[in-house]
């Protein structure tokens, strides 16, 4: 399972004034569902990630203490055109689902008295 996000900030240990215990590259992402989360970039693509790129985050379950936990690692960089297209589709789908969950005035039950 993968989730699409857009890189807002890249965090590396080689930035002036930064230190890291593990030397990894991390990215602040805005996810397709509008959440903002920091994920680790896979070592194979860490040097290539840049602000504004669309990326895939691996949410495949891995066992941690006997329970499945999402991997949460940036594993792919997507072309700008494809990323924008996919992001638009995912956001449209999420908006449609929100609309279906919200009752309309016509669909709401009436509780009370009519005045007039």
PDB file of N, CA and C in Angstrom:
ATOM      1  N   UNK A   1       0.845  -1.166   0.000  1.00  0.00           N
ATOM      2  CA  UNK A   1       0.000   0.000   0.000  1.00  0.00           C
ATOM      3  C   UNK A   1       0.897   1.238   0.000  1.00  0.00           C
ATOM      4  N   UNK A   2       0.558   2.185  -0.836  1.00  0.00           N
ATOM      5  CA  UNK A   2       1.355   3.404  -0.960  1.00  0.00           C
ATOM      6  C   UNK A   2       0.453   4.628  -0.858  1.00  0.00           C
ATOM      7  N   UNK A   3       0.994   5.710  -0.335  1.00  0.00           N
ATOM      8  CA  UNK A   3       0.274   6.975  -0.249  1.00  0.00           C
ATOM      9  C   UNK A   3       1.070   8.037  -0.998  1.00  0.00           C
ATOM     10  N   UNK A   4       0.352   8.952  -1.622  1.00  0.00           N
ATOM     11  CA  UNK A   4       0.976  10.027  -2.392  1.00  0.00           C
ATOM     12  C   UNK A   4       1.106  11.280  -1.531  1.00  0.00           C
ATOM     13  N   UNK A   5       2.243  11.932  -1.634  1.00  0.00           N
ATOM     14  CA  UNK A   5       2.451  13.185  -0.923  1.00  0.00           C
ATOM     15  C   UNK A   5       3.316  14.123  -1.733  1.00  0.00           C
ATOM     16  N   UNK A   6       3.347  15.386  -1.297  1.00  0.00           N
ATOM     17  CA  UNK A   6       4.172  16.407  -1.937  1.00  0.00           C
ATOM     18  C   UNK A   6       5.153  16.939  -0.893  1.00  0.00           C
ATOM     19  N   UNK A   7       6.422  17.014  -1.272  1.00  0.00           N
ATOM     20  CA  UNK A   7       7.458  17.451  -0.334  1.00  0.00           C
ATOM     21  C   UNK A   7       7.361  18.956  -0.103  1.00  0.00           C
ATOM     22  N   UNK A   8       7.235  19.339   1.174  1.00  0.00           N
ATOM     23  CA  UNK A   8       7.224  20.754   1.550  1.00  0.00           C
ATOM     24  C   UNK A   8       8.595  21.211   2.044  1.00  0.00           C
ATOM     25  N   UNK A   9       9.296  20.328   2.742  1.00  0.00           N
ATOM     26  CA  UNK A   9      10.629  20.629   3.283  1.00  0.00           C
ATOM     27  C   UNK A   9      11.472  19.364   3.283  1.00  0.00           C
ATOM     28  N   UNK A  10      12.759  19.517   2.999  1.00  0.00           N
ATOM     29  CA  UNK A  10      13.711  18.413   3.095  1.00  0.00           C
ATOM     30  C   UNK A  10      14.613  18.708   4.286  1.00  0.00           C
ATOM     31  N   UNK A  11      14.812  17.706   5.139  1.00  0.00           N
ATOM     32  CA  UNK A  11      15.603  17.853   6.359  1.00  0.00           C
ATOM     33  C   UNK A  11      16.799  16.909   6.265  1.00  0.00           C
ATOM     34  N   UNK A  12      18.010  17.481   6.241  1.00  0.00           N
ATOM     35  CA  UNK A  12      19.222  16.657   6.179  1.00  0.00           C
ATOM     36  C   UNK A  12      20.174  17.055   7.297  1.00  0.00           C
ATOM     37  N   UNK A  13      21.049  16.134   7.656  1.00  0.00           N
ATOM     38  CA  UNK A  13      22.005  16.409   8.729  1.00  0.00           C
ATOM     39  C   UNK A  13      23.177  17.259   8.259  1.00  0.00           C
ATOM     40  N   UNK A  14      23.333  17.446   6.940  1.00  0.00           N
ATOM     41  CA  UNK A  14      24.455  18.257   6.468  1.00  0.00           C
ATOM     42  C   UNK A  14      24.112  19.744   6.344  1.00  0.00           C
ATOM     43  N   UNK A  15      22.903  20.146   6.752  1.00  0.00           N
ATOM     44  CA  UNK A  15      22.547  21.558   6.769  1.00  0.00           C
ATOM     45  C   UNK A  15      23.298  22.252   7.909  1.00  0.00           C
ATOM     46  N   UNK A  16      23.645  23.484   7.695  1.00  0.00           N
ATOM     47  CA  UNK A  16      24.348  24.245   8.721  1.00  0.00           C
ATOM     48  C   UNK A  16      23.497  24.309   9.993  1.00  0.00           C
ATOM     49  N   UNK A  17      24.097  23.940  11.108  1.00  0.00           N
ATOM     50  CA  UNK A  17      23.429  23.971  12.397  1.00  0.00           C
ATOM     51  C   UNK A  17      22.611  22.728  12.711  1.00  0.00           C
ATOM     52  N   UNK A  18      22.549  21.782  11.788  1.00  0.00           N
ATOM     53  CA  UNK A  18      21.768  20.560  12.003  1.00  0.00           C
ATOM     54  C   UNK A  18      22.678  19.419  12.445  1.00  0.00           C
ATOM     55  N   UNK A  19      22.124  18.525  13.236  1.00  0.00           N
ATOM     56  CA  UNK A  19      22.822  17.310  13.652  1.00  0.00           C
ATOM     57  C   UNK A  19      21.822  16.168  13.614  1.00  0.00           C
ATOM     58  N   UNK A  20      22.324  14.980  13.374  1.00  0.00           N
ATOM     59  CA  UNK A  20      21.445  13.820  13.306  1.00  0.00           C
ATOM     60  C   UNK A  20      22.139  12.604  13.906  1.00  0.00           C
ATOM     61  N   UNK A  21      21.392  11.828  14.655  1.00  0.00           N
ATOM     62  CA  UNK A  21      21.929  10.605  15.245  1.00  0.00           C
ATOM     63  C   UNK A  21      22.101   9.515  14.200  1.00  0.00           C
ATOM     64  N   UNK A  22      21.290   9.580  13.114  1.00  0.00           N
ATOM     65  CA  UNK A  22      21.337   8.491  12.139  1.00  0.00           C
ATOM     66  C   UNK A  22      21.768   8.924  10.738  1.00  0.00           C
ATOM     67  N   UNK A  23      21.932  10.211  10.486  1.00  0.00           N
ATOM     68  CA  UNK A  23      22.385  10.685   9.174  1.00  0.00           C
ATOM     69  C   UNK A  23      21.364  10.518   8.062  1.00  0.00           C
ATOM     70  N   UNK A  24      20.130  10.223   8.408  1.00  0.00           N
ATOM     71  CA  UNK A  24      19.081  10.010   7.419  1.00  0.00           C
ATOM     72  C   UNK A  24      18.540  11.339   6.883  1.00  0.00           C
ATOM     73  N   UNK A  25      17.835  11.262   5.751  1.00  0.00           N
ATOM     74  CA  UNK A  25      17.140  12.411   5.186  1.00  0.00           C
ATOM     75  C   UNK A  25      15.654  12.234   5.469  1.00  0.00           C
ATOM     76  N   UNK A  26      15.035  13.294   5.946  1.00  0.00           N
ATOM     77  CA  UNK A  26      13.610  13.280   6.259  1.00  0.00           C
ATOM     78  C   UNK A  26      12.921  14.366   5.449  1.00  0.00           C
ATOM     79  N   UNK A  27      11.627  14.196   5.215  1.00  0.00           N
ATOM     80  CA  UNK A  27      10.864  15.183   4.449  1.00  0.00           C
ATOM     81  C   UNK A  27       9.522  15.443   5.119  1.00  0.00           C
ATOM     82  N   UNK A  28       9.174  16.719   5.176  1.00  0.00           N
ATOM     83  CA  UNK A  28       7.829  17.102   5.589  1.00  0.00           C
ATOM     84  C   UNK A  28       6.961  17.028   4.349  1.00  0.00           C
ATOM     85  N   UNK A  29       5.905  16.211   4.412  1.00  0.00           N
ATOM     86  CA  UNK A  29       5.033  16.011   3.259  1.00  0.00           C
ATOM     87  C   UNK A  29       3.630  16.494   3.563  1.00  0.00           C
ATOM     88  N   UNK A  30       2.998  17.056   2.527  1.00  0.00           N
ATOM     89  CA  UNK A  30       1.559  17.253   2.575  1.00  0.00           C
ATOM     90  C   UNK A  30       0.986  16.062   1.825  1.00  0.00           C
ATOM     91  N   UNK A  31       0.192  15.262   2.518  1.00  0.00           N
ATOM     92  CA  UNK A  31      -0.341  14.052   1.928  1.00  0.00           C
ATOM     93  C   UNK A  31      -1.601  14.366   1.132  1.00  0.00           C
ATOM     94  N   UNK A  32      -2.027  13.439   0.307  1.00  0.00           N
ATOM     95  CA  UNK A  32      -3.199  13.615  -0.544  1.00  0.00           C
ATOM     96  C   UNK A  32      -4.446  13.920   0.269  1.00  0.00           C
ATOM     97  N   UNK A  33      -4.484  13.454   1.537  1.00  0.00           N
ATOM     98  CA  UNK A  33      -5.657  13.672   2.389  1.00  0.00           C
ATOM     99  C   UNK A  33      -5.502  14.921   3.256  1.00  0.00           C
ATOM    100  N   UNK A  34      -4.543  15.776   2.917  1.00  0.00           N
ATOM    101  CA  UNK A  34      -4.264  17.067   3.548  1.00  0.00           C
ATOM    102  C   UNK A  34      -3.560  16.963   4.898  1.00  0.00           C
ATOM    103  N   UNK A  35      -3.190  15.755   5.332  1.00  0.00           N
ATOM    104  CA  UNK A  35      -2.373  15.618   6.534  1.00  0.00           C
ATOM    105  C   UNK A  35      -0.953  16.047   6.217  1.00  0.00           C
ATOM    106  N   UNK A  36      -0.248  16.545   7.220  1.00  0.00           N
ATOM    107  CA  UNK A  36       1.168  16.892   7.073  1.00  0.00           C
ATOM    108  C   UNK A  36       1.954  15.990   8.022  1.00  0.00           C
ATOM    109  N   UNK A  37       2.904  15.230   7.444  1.00  0.00           N
ATOM    110  CA  UNK A  37       3.648  14.238   8.218  1.00  0.00           C
ATOM    111  C   UNK A  37       5.105  14.251   7.764  1.00  0.00           C
ATOM    112  N   UNK A  38       6.018  13.951   8.682  1.00  0.00           N
ATOM    113  CA  UNK A  38       7.443  13.832   8.353  1.00  0.00           C
ATOM    114  C   UNK A  38       7.770  12.349   8.180  1.00  0.00           C
ATOM    115  N   UNK A  39       8.395  12.023   7.033  1.00  0.00           N
ATOM    116  CA  UNK A  39       8.788  10.649   6.731  1.00  0.00           C
ATOM    117  C   UNK A  39      10.274  10.592   6.399  1.00  0.00           C
ATOM    118  N   UNK A  40      10.871   9.439   6.606  1.00  0.00           N
ATOM    119  CA  UNK A  40      12.257   9.190   6.215  1.00  0.00           C
ATOM    120  C   UNK A  40      12.284   8.849   4.731  1.00  0.00           C
ATOM    121  N   UNK A  41      13.277   9.395   4.021  1.00  0.00           N
ATOM    122  CA  UNK A  41      13.479   9.051   2.613  1.00  0.00           C
ATOM    123  C   UNK A  41      14.370   7.817   2.540  1.00  0.00           C
ATOM    124  N   UNK A  42      14.030   6.896   1.675  1.00  0.00           N
ATOM    125  CA  UNK A  42      14.847   5.710   1.462  1.00  0.00           C
ATOM    126  C   UNK A  42      16.272   6.140   1.103  1.00  0.00           C
ATOM    127  N   UNK A  43      17.266   5.410   1.590  1.00  0.00           N
ATOM    128  CA  UNK A  43      18.668   5.745   1.333  1.00  0.00           C
ATOM    129  C   UNK A  43      18.986   5.797  -0.162  1.00  0.00           C
ATOM    130  N   UNK A  44      18.275   4.993  -0.971  1.00  0.00           N
ATOM    131  CA  UNK A  44      18.541   4.939  -2.410  1.00  0.00           C
ATOM    132  C   UNK A  44      18.145   6.231  -3.131  1.00  0.00           C
ATOM    133  N   UNK A  45      17.200   7.006  -2.585  1.00  0.00           N
ATOM    134  CA  UNK A  45      16.757   8.236  -3.263  1.00  0.00           C
ATOM    135  C   UNK A  45      16.937   9.487  -2.402  1.00  0.00           C
ATOM    136  N   UNK A  46      17.528   9.340  -1.230  1.00  0.00           N
ATOM    137  CA  UNK A  46      17.636  10.459  -0.286  1.00  0.00           C
ATOM    138  C   UNK A  46      18.335  11.686  -0.883  1.00  0.00           C
ATOM    139  N   UNK A  47      19.359  11.481  -1.695  1.00  0.00           N
ATOM    140  CA  UNK A  47      20.100  12.606  -2.287  1.00  0.00           C
ATOM    141  C   UNK A  47      19.313  13.293  -3.399  1.00  0.00           C
ATOM    142  N   UNK A  48      18.255  12.640  -3.903  1.00  0.00           N
ATOM    143  CA  UNK A  48      17.495  13.163  -5.033  1.00  0.00           C
ATOM    144  C   UNK A  48      16.209  13.884  -4.654  1.00  0.00           C
ATOM    145  N   UNK A  49      15.756  13.762  -3.388  1.00  0.00           N
ATOM    146  CA  UNK A  49      14.491  14.396  -3.010  1.00  0.00           C
ATOM    147  C   UNK A  49      14.662  15.905  -2.902  1.00  0.00           C
ATOM    148  N   UNK A  50      13.636  16.626  -3.394  1.00  0.00           N
ATOM    149  CA  UNK A  50      13.648  18.092  -3.387  1.00  0.00           C
ATOM    150  C   UNK A  50      12.257  18.617  -3.069  1.00  0.00           C
ATOM    151  N   UNK A  51      12.209  19.823  -2.530  1.00  0.00           N
ATOM    152  CA  UNK A  51      10.923  20.467  -2.250  1.00  0.00           C
ATOM    153  C   UNK A  51      10.109  20.561  -3.535  1.00  0.00           C
ATOM    154  N   UNK A  52       8.810  20.330  -3.402  1.00  0.00           N
ATOM    155  CA  UNK A  52       7.905  20.428  -4.536  1.00  0.00           C
ATOM    156  C   UNK A  52       7.681  19.132  -5.286  1.00  0.00           C
ATOM    157  N   UNK A  53       8.501  18.117  -5.030  1.00  0.00           N
ATOM    158  CA  UNK A  53       8.337  16.838  -5.729  1.00  0.00           C
ATOM    159  C   UNK A  53       7.163  16.044  -5.147  1.00  0.00           C
ATOM    160  N   UNK A  54       6.556  15.246  -6.008  1.00  0.00           N
ATOM    161  CA  UNK A  54       5.530  14.303  -5.581  1.00  0.00           C
ATOM    162  C   UNK A  54       6.219  12.963  -5.346  1.00  0.00           C
ATOM    163  N   UNK A  55       5.880  12.329  -4.229  1.00  0.00           N
ATOM    164  CA  UNK A  55       6.544  11.086  -3.857  1.00  0.00           C
ATOM    165  C   UNK A  55       5.536  10.054  -3.361  1.00  0.00           C
ATOM    166  N   UNK A  56       5.956   8.795  -3.403  1.00  0.00           N
ATOM    167  CA  UNK A  56       5.157   7.713  -2.837  1.00  0.00           C
ATOM    168  C   UNK A  56       5.770   7.289  -1.505  1.00  0.00           C
ATOM    169  N   UNK A  57       4.907   7.119  -0.517  1.00  0.00           N
ATOM    170  CA  UNK A  57       5.316   6.640   0.796  1.00  0.00           C
ATOM    171  C   UNK A  57       4.806   5.209   0.947  1.00  0.00           C
ATOM    172  N   UNK A  58       5.713   4.310   1.306  1.00  0.00           N
ATOM    173  CA  UNK A  58       5.365   2.899   1.499  1.00  0.00           C
ATOM    174  C   UNK A  58       4.658   2.735   2.842  1.00  0.00           C
ATOM    175  N   UNK A  59       3.408   2.310   2.793  1.00  0.00           N
ATOM    176  CA  UNK A  59       2.611   2.048   3.987  1.00  0.00           C
ATOM    177  C   UNK A  59       2.439   0.545   4.208  1.00  0.00           C
ATOM    178  N   UNK A  60       3.240  -0.286   3.534  1.00  0.00           N
ATOM    179  CA  UNK A  60       3.129  -1.735   3.707  1.00  0.00           C
ATOM    180  C   UNK A  60       3.392  -2.103   5.159  1.00  0.00           C
ATOM    181  N   UNK A  61       2.626  -3.039   5.700  1.00  0.00           N
ATOM    182  CA  UNK A  61       2.832  -3.412   7.105  1.00  0.00           C
ATOM    183  C   UNK A  61       4.124  -4.195   7.320  1.00  0.00           C
ATOM    184  N   UNK A  62       4.812  -3.851   8.396  1.00  0.00           N
ATOM    185  CA  UNK A  62       5.993  -4.603   8.839  1.00  0.00           C
ATOM    186  C   UNK A  62       5.766  -4.952  10.314  1.00  0.00           C
ATOM    187  N   UNK A  63       6.206  -6.124  10.743  1.00  0.00           N
ATOM    188  CA  UNK A  63       5.971  -6.499  12.140  1.00  0.00           C
ATOM    189  C   UNK A  63       6.884  -5.726  13.097  1.00  0.00           C
ATOM    190  N   UNK A  64       6.273  -5.096  14.075  1.00  0.00           N
ATOM    191  CA  UNK A  64       7.012  -4.400  15.134  1.00  0.00           C
ATOM    192  C   UNK A  64       6.411  -4.858  16.457  1.00  0.00           C
ATOM    193  N   UNK A  65       7.187  -5.586  17.217  1.00  0.00           N
ATOM    194  CA  UNK A  65       6.683  -6.105  18.486  1.00  0.00           C
ATOM    195  C   UNK A  65       5.501  -7.034  18.319  1.00  0.00           C
ATOM    196  N   UNK A  66       5.451  -7.738  17.201  1.00  0.00           N
ATOM    197  CA  UNK A  66       4.375  -8.689  16.964  1.00  0.00           C
ATOM    198  C   UNK A  66       3.127  -8.089  16.325  1.00  0.00           C
ATOM    199  N   UNK A  67       3.108  -6.772  16.129  1.00  0.00           N
ATOM    200  CA  UNK A  67       1.945  -6.124  15.519  1.00  0.00           C
ATOM    201  C   UNK A  67       2.355  -5.476  14.197  1.00  0.00           C
ATOM    202  N   UNK A  68       1.476  -5.506  13.197  1.00  0.00           N
ATOM    203  CA  UNK A  68       1.814  -4.860  11.921  1.00  0.00           C
ATOM    204  C   UNK A  68       1.740  -3.340  12.041  1.00  0.00           C
ATOM    205  N   UNK A  69       2.805  -2.678  11.590  1.00  0.00           N
ATOM    206  CA  UNK A  69       2.902  -1.222  11.623  1.00  0.00           C
ATOM    207  C   UNK A  69       3.302  -0.753  10.225  1.00  0.00           C
ATOM    208  N   UNK A  70       2.709   0.343   9.736  1.00  0.00           N
ATOM    209  CA  UNK A  70       3.096   0.832   8.403  1.00  0.00           C
ATOM    210  C   UNK A  70       4.579   1.184   8.334  1.00  0.00           C
ATOM    211  N   UNK A  71       5.188   0.901   7.209  1.00  0.00           N
ATOM    212  CA  UNK A  71       6.623   1.147   7.007  1.00  0.00           C
ATOM    213  C   UNK A  71       6.961   2.632   7.046  1.00  0.00           C
ATOM    214  N   UNK A  72       6.143   3.483   6.429  1.00  0.00           N
ATOM    215  CA  UNK A  72       6.316   4.936   6.466  1.00  0.00           C
ATOM    216  C   UNK A  72       7.671   5.404   5.944  1.00  0.00           C
ATOM    217  N   UNK A  73       7.999   5.027   4.721  1.00  0.00           N
ATOM    218  CA  UNK A  73       9.263   5.429   4.109  1.00  0.00           C
ATOM    219  C   UNK A  73       9.004   5.918   2.685  1.00  0.00           C
ATOM    220  N   UNK A  74       9.632   7.040   2.327  1.00  0.00           N
ATOM    221  CA  UNK A  74       9.514   7.559   0.964  1.00  0.00           C
ATOM    222  C   UNK A  74      10.337   6.646   0.067  1.00  0.00           C
ATOM    223  N   UNK A  75       9.675   6.036  -0.936  1.00  0.00           N
ATOM    224  CA  UNK A  75      10.357   5.047  -1.763  1.00  0.00           C
ATOM    225  C   UNK A  75      10.416   5.399  -3.246  1.00  0.00           C
ATOM    226  N   UNK A  76       9.682   6.424  -3.677  1.00  0.00           N
ATOM    227  CA  UNK A  76       9.686   6.759  -5.102  1.00  0.00           C
ATOM    228  C   UNK A  76       9.395   8.237  -5.307  1.00  0.00           C
ATOM    229  N   UNK A  77      10.044   8.804  -6.315  1.00  0.00           N
ATOM    230  CA  UNK A  77       9.776  10.167  -6.764  1.00  0.00           C
ATOM    231  C   UNK A  77       8.997  10.043  -8.067  1.00  0.00           C
ATOM    232  N   UNK A  78       7.917  10.788  -8.181  1.00  0.00           N
ATOM    233  CA  UNK A  78       7.047  10.717  -9.363  1.00  0.00           C
ATOM    234  C   UNK A  78       7.234  11.981 -10.192  1.00  0.00           C
ATOM    235  N   UNK A  79       7.077  11.865 -11.503  1.00  0.00           N
ATOM    236  CA  UNK A  79       7.191  13.045 -12.363  1.00  0.00           C
ATOM    237  C   UNK A  79       6.155  14.080 -11.936  1.00  0.00           C
ATOM    238  N   UNK A  80       6.464  15.347 -12.197  1.00  0.00           N
ATOM    239  CA  UNK A  80       5.575  16.436 -11.790  1.00  0.00           C
ATOM    240  C   UNK A  80       4.189  16.290 -12.412  1.00  0.00           C
ATOM    241  N   UNK A  81       4.141  15.995 -13.711  1.00  0.00           N
ATOM    242  CA  UNK A  81       2.852  15.881 -14.406  1.00  0.00           C
ATOM    243  C   UNK A  81       2.008  14.750 -13.819  1.00  0.00           C
ATOM    244  N   UNK A  82       2.613  13.591 -13.643  1.00  0.00           N
ATOM    245  CA  UNK A  82       1.874  12.442 -13.099  1.00  0.00           C
ATOM    246  C   UNK A  82       1.475  12.698 -11.651  1.00  0.00           C
ATOM    247  N   UNK A  83       2.369  13.306 -10.875  1.00  0.00           N
ATOM    248  CA  UNK A  83       2.069  13.600  -9.476  1.00  0.00           C
ATOM    249  C   UNK A  83       0.888  14.546  -9.332  1.00  0.00           C
ATOM    250  N   UNK A  84       0.857  15.613 -10.139  1.00  0.00           N
ATOM    251  CA  UNK A  84      -0.259  16.560 -10.086  1.00  0.00           C
ATOM    252  C   UNK A  84      -1.569  15.885 -10.471  1.00  0.00           C
ATOM    253  N   UNK A  85      -1.502  15.055 -11.506  1.00  0.00           N
ATOM    254  CA  UNK A  85      -2.700  14.350 -11.985  1.00  0.00           C
ATOM    255  C   UNK A  85      -3.231  13.400 -10.906  1.00  0.00           C
ATOM    256  N   UNK A  86      -2.340  12.616 -10.310  1.00  0.00           N
ATOM    257  CA  UNK A  86      -2.748  11.669  -9.274  1.00  0.00           C
ATOM    258  C   UNK A  86      -3.278  12.392  -8.042  1.00  0.00           C
ATOM    259  N   UNK A  87      -2.602  13.472  -7.636  1.00  0.00           N
ATOM    260  CA  UNK A  87      -3.020  14.231  -6.466  1.00  0.00           C
ATOM    261  C   UNK A  87      -4.419  14.807  -6.672  1.00  0.00           C
ATOM    262  N   UNK A  88      -4.688  15.333  -7.860  1.00  0.00           N
ATOM    263  CA  UNK A  88      -6.011  15.886  -8.159  1.00  0.00           C
ATOM    264  C   UNK A  88      -7.081  14.801  -8.068  1.00  0.00           C
ATOM    265  N   UNK A  89      -6.796  13.619  -8.614  1.00  0.00           N
ATOM    266  CA  UNK A  89      -7.763  12.516  -8.561  1.00  0.00           C
ATOM    267  C   UNK A  89      -8.044  12.087  -7.122  1.00  0.00           C
ATOM    268  N   UNK A  90      -6.987  11.964  -6.319  1.00  0.00           N
ATOM    269  CA  UNK A  90      -7.159  11.543  -4.932  1.00  0.00           C
ATOM    270  C   UNK A  90      -7.929  12.581  -4.120  1.00  0.00           C
ATOM    271  N   UNK A  91      -7.614  13.851  -4.335  1.00  0.00           N
ATOM    272  CA  UNK A  91      -8.324  14.910  -3.600  1.00  0.00           C
ATOM    273  C   UNK A  91      -9.790  14.974  -4.028  1.00  0.00           C
ATOM    274  N   UNK A  92     -10.075  14.811  -5.309  1.00  0.00           N
ATOM    275  CA  UNK A  92     -11.457  14.795  -5.791  1.00  0.00           C
ATOM    276  C   UNK A  92     -12.227  13.636  -5.158  1.00  0.00           C
ATOM    277  N   UNK A  93     -11.598  12.476  -5.100  1.00  0.00           N
ATOM    278  CA  UNK A  93     -12.232  11.305  -4.509  1.00  0.00           C
ATOM    279  C   UNK A  93     -12.522  11.537  -3.027  1.00  0.00           C
ATOM    280  N   UNK A  94     -11.566  12.111  -2.308  1.00  0.00           N
ATOM    281  CA  UNK A  94     -11.758  12.394  -0.879  1.00  0.00           C
ATOM    282  C   UNK A  94     -12.887  13.405  -0.675  1.00  0.00           C
ATOM    283  N   UNK A  95     -12.967  14.411  -1.541  1.00  0.00           N
ATOM    284  CA  UNK A  95     -14.024  15.421  -1.441  1.00  0.00           C
ATOM    285  C   UNK A  95     -15.392  14.799  -1.698  1.00  0.00           C
ATOM    286  N   UNK A  96     -15.497  13.920  -2.680  1.00  0.00           N
ATOM    287  CA  UNK A  96     -16.760  13.233  -2.961  1.00  0.00           C
ATOM    288  C   UNK A  96     -17.207  12.399  -1.761  1.00  0.00           C
ATOM    289  N   UNK A  97     -16.262  11.717  -1.128  1.00  0.00           N
ATOM    290  CA  UNK A  97     -16.593  10.907   0.050  1.00  0.00           C
ATOM    291  C   UNK A  97     -17.063  11.789   1.196  1.00  0.00           C
ATOM    292  N   UNK A  98     -16.431  12.954   1.381  1.00  0.00           N
ATOM    293  CA  UNK A  98     -16.860  13.895   2.422  1.00  0.00           C
ATOM    294  C   UNK A  98     -18.282  14.367   2.169  1.00  0.00           C
ATOM    295  N   UNK A  99     -18.578  14.683   0.922  1.00  0.00           N
ATOM    296  CA  UNK A  99     -19.917  15.163   0.573  1.00  0.00           C
ATOM    297  C   UNK A  99     -20.968  14.099   0.855  1.00  0.00           C
ATOM    298  N   UNK A 100     -20.649  12.845   0.581  1.00  0.00           N
ATOM    299  CA  UNK A 100     -21.600  11.765   0.818  1.00  0.00           C
ATOM    300  C   UNK A 100     -21.862  11.552   2.306  1.00  0.00           C
ATOM    301  N   UNK A 101     -20.879  11.841   3.139  1.00  0.00           N
ATOM    302  CA  UNK A 101     -21.029  11.661   4.588  1.00  0.00           C
ATOM    303  C   UNK A 101     -21.800  12.791   5.247  1.00  0.00           C
ATOM    304  N   UNK A 102     -21.810  13.987   4.632  1.00  0.00           N
ATOM    305  CA  UNK A 102     -22.481  15.136   5.225  1.00  0.00           C
ATOM    306  C   UNK A 102     -23.948  15.148   4.814  1.00  0.00           C
ATOM    307  N   UNK A 103     -24.848  15.153   5.806  1.00  0.00           N
ATOM    308  CA  UNK A 103     -26.266  15.176   5.453  1.00  0.00           C
ATOM    309  C   UNK A 103     -26.659  16.531   4.871  1.00  0.00           C
ATOM    310  N   UNK A 104     -27.568  16.507   3.929  1.00  0.00           N
ATOM    311  CA  UNK A 104     -28.092  17.747   3.360  1.00  0.00           C
ATOM    312  C   UNK A 104     -29.247  18.222   4.225  1.00  0.00           C
ATOM    313  N   UNK A 105     -29.678  19.455   4.052  1.00  0.00           N
ATOM    314  CA  UNK A 105     -30.798  19.993   4.808  1.00  0.00           C
ATOM    315  C   UNK A 105     -32.040  19.141   4.554  1.00  0.00           C
ATOM    316  N   UNK A 106     -32.252  18.731   3.305  1.00  0.00           N
ATOM    317  CA  UNK A 106     -33.415  17.916   2.967  1.00  0.00           C
ATOM    318  C   UNK A 106     -33.366  16.554   3.648  1.00  0.00           C
ATOM    319  N   UNK A 107     -32.174  16.035   3.851  1.00  0.00           N
ATOM    320  CA  UNK A 107     -32.033  14.702   4.419  1.00  0.00           C
ATOM    321  C   UNK A 107     -31.971  14.675   5.933  1.00  0.00           C
ATOM    322  N   UNK A 108     -31.970  15.843   6.566  1.00  0.00           N
ATOM    323  CA  UNK A 108     -31.861  15.894   8.019  1.00  0.00           C
ATOM    324  C   UNK A 108     -33.233  15.691   8.660  1.00  0.00           C
ATOM    325  N   UNK A 109     -33.297  14.932   9.740  1.00  0.00           N
ATOM    326  CA  UNK A 109     -34.575  14.765  10.419  1.00  0.00           C
ATOM    327  C   UNK A 109     -34.993  16.063  11.093  1.00  0.00           C
ATOM    328  N   UNK A 110     -36.304  16.289  11.189  1.00  0.00           N
ATOM    329  CA  UNK A 110     -36.825  17.508  11.806  1.00  0.00           C
ATOM    330  C   UNK A 110     -37.171  17.211  13.249  1.00  0.00           C
ATOM    331  N   UNK A 111     -36.650  17.995  14.172  1.00  0.00           N
ATOM    332  CA  UNK A 111     -36.943  17.853  15.590  1.00  0.00           C
ATOM    333  C   UNK A 111     -37.380  19.222  16.107  1.00  0.00           C
ATOM    334  N   UNK A 112     -38.623  19.378  16.385  1.00  0.00           N
ATOM    335  CA  UNK A 112     -39.106  20.651  16.916  1.00  0.00           C
ATOM    336  C   UNK A 112     -40.434  21.024  16.324  1.00  0.00           C
ATOM    337  N   UNK A 113     -40.812  22.280  16.534  1.00  0.00           N
ATOM    338  CA  UNK A 113     -42.093  22.769  16.050  1.00  0.00           C
ATOM    339  C   UNK A 113     -41.872  23.772  14.943  1.00  0.00           C
ATOM    340  N   UNK A 114     -42.786  23.799  14.014  1.00  0.00           N
ATOM    341  CA  UNK A 114     -42.767  24.807  12.954  1.00  0.00           C
ATOM    342  C   UNK A 114     -43.368  26.091  13.520  1.00  0.00           C
ATOM    343  N   UNK A 115     -42.754  27.203  13.206  1.00  0.00           N
ATOM    344  CA  UNK A 115     -43.275  28.493  13.635  1.00  0.00           C
ATOM    345  C   UNK A 115     -43.669  29.263  12.387  1.00  0.00           C
ATOM    346  N   UNK A 116     -44.818  29.884  12.448  1.00  0.00           N
ATOM    347  CA  UNK A 116     -45.185  30.721  11.318  1.00  0.00           C
ATOM    348  C   UNK A 116     -46.527  30.564  10.808  1.00  0.00           C
TER     349      UNK A 116
END
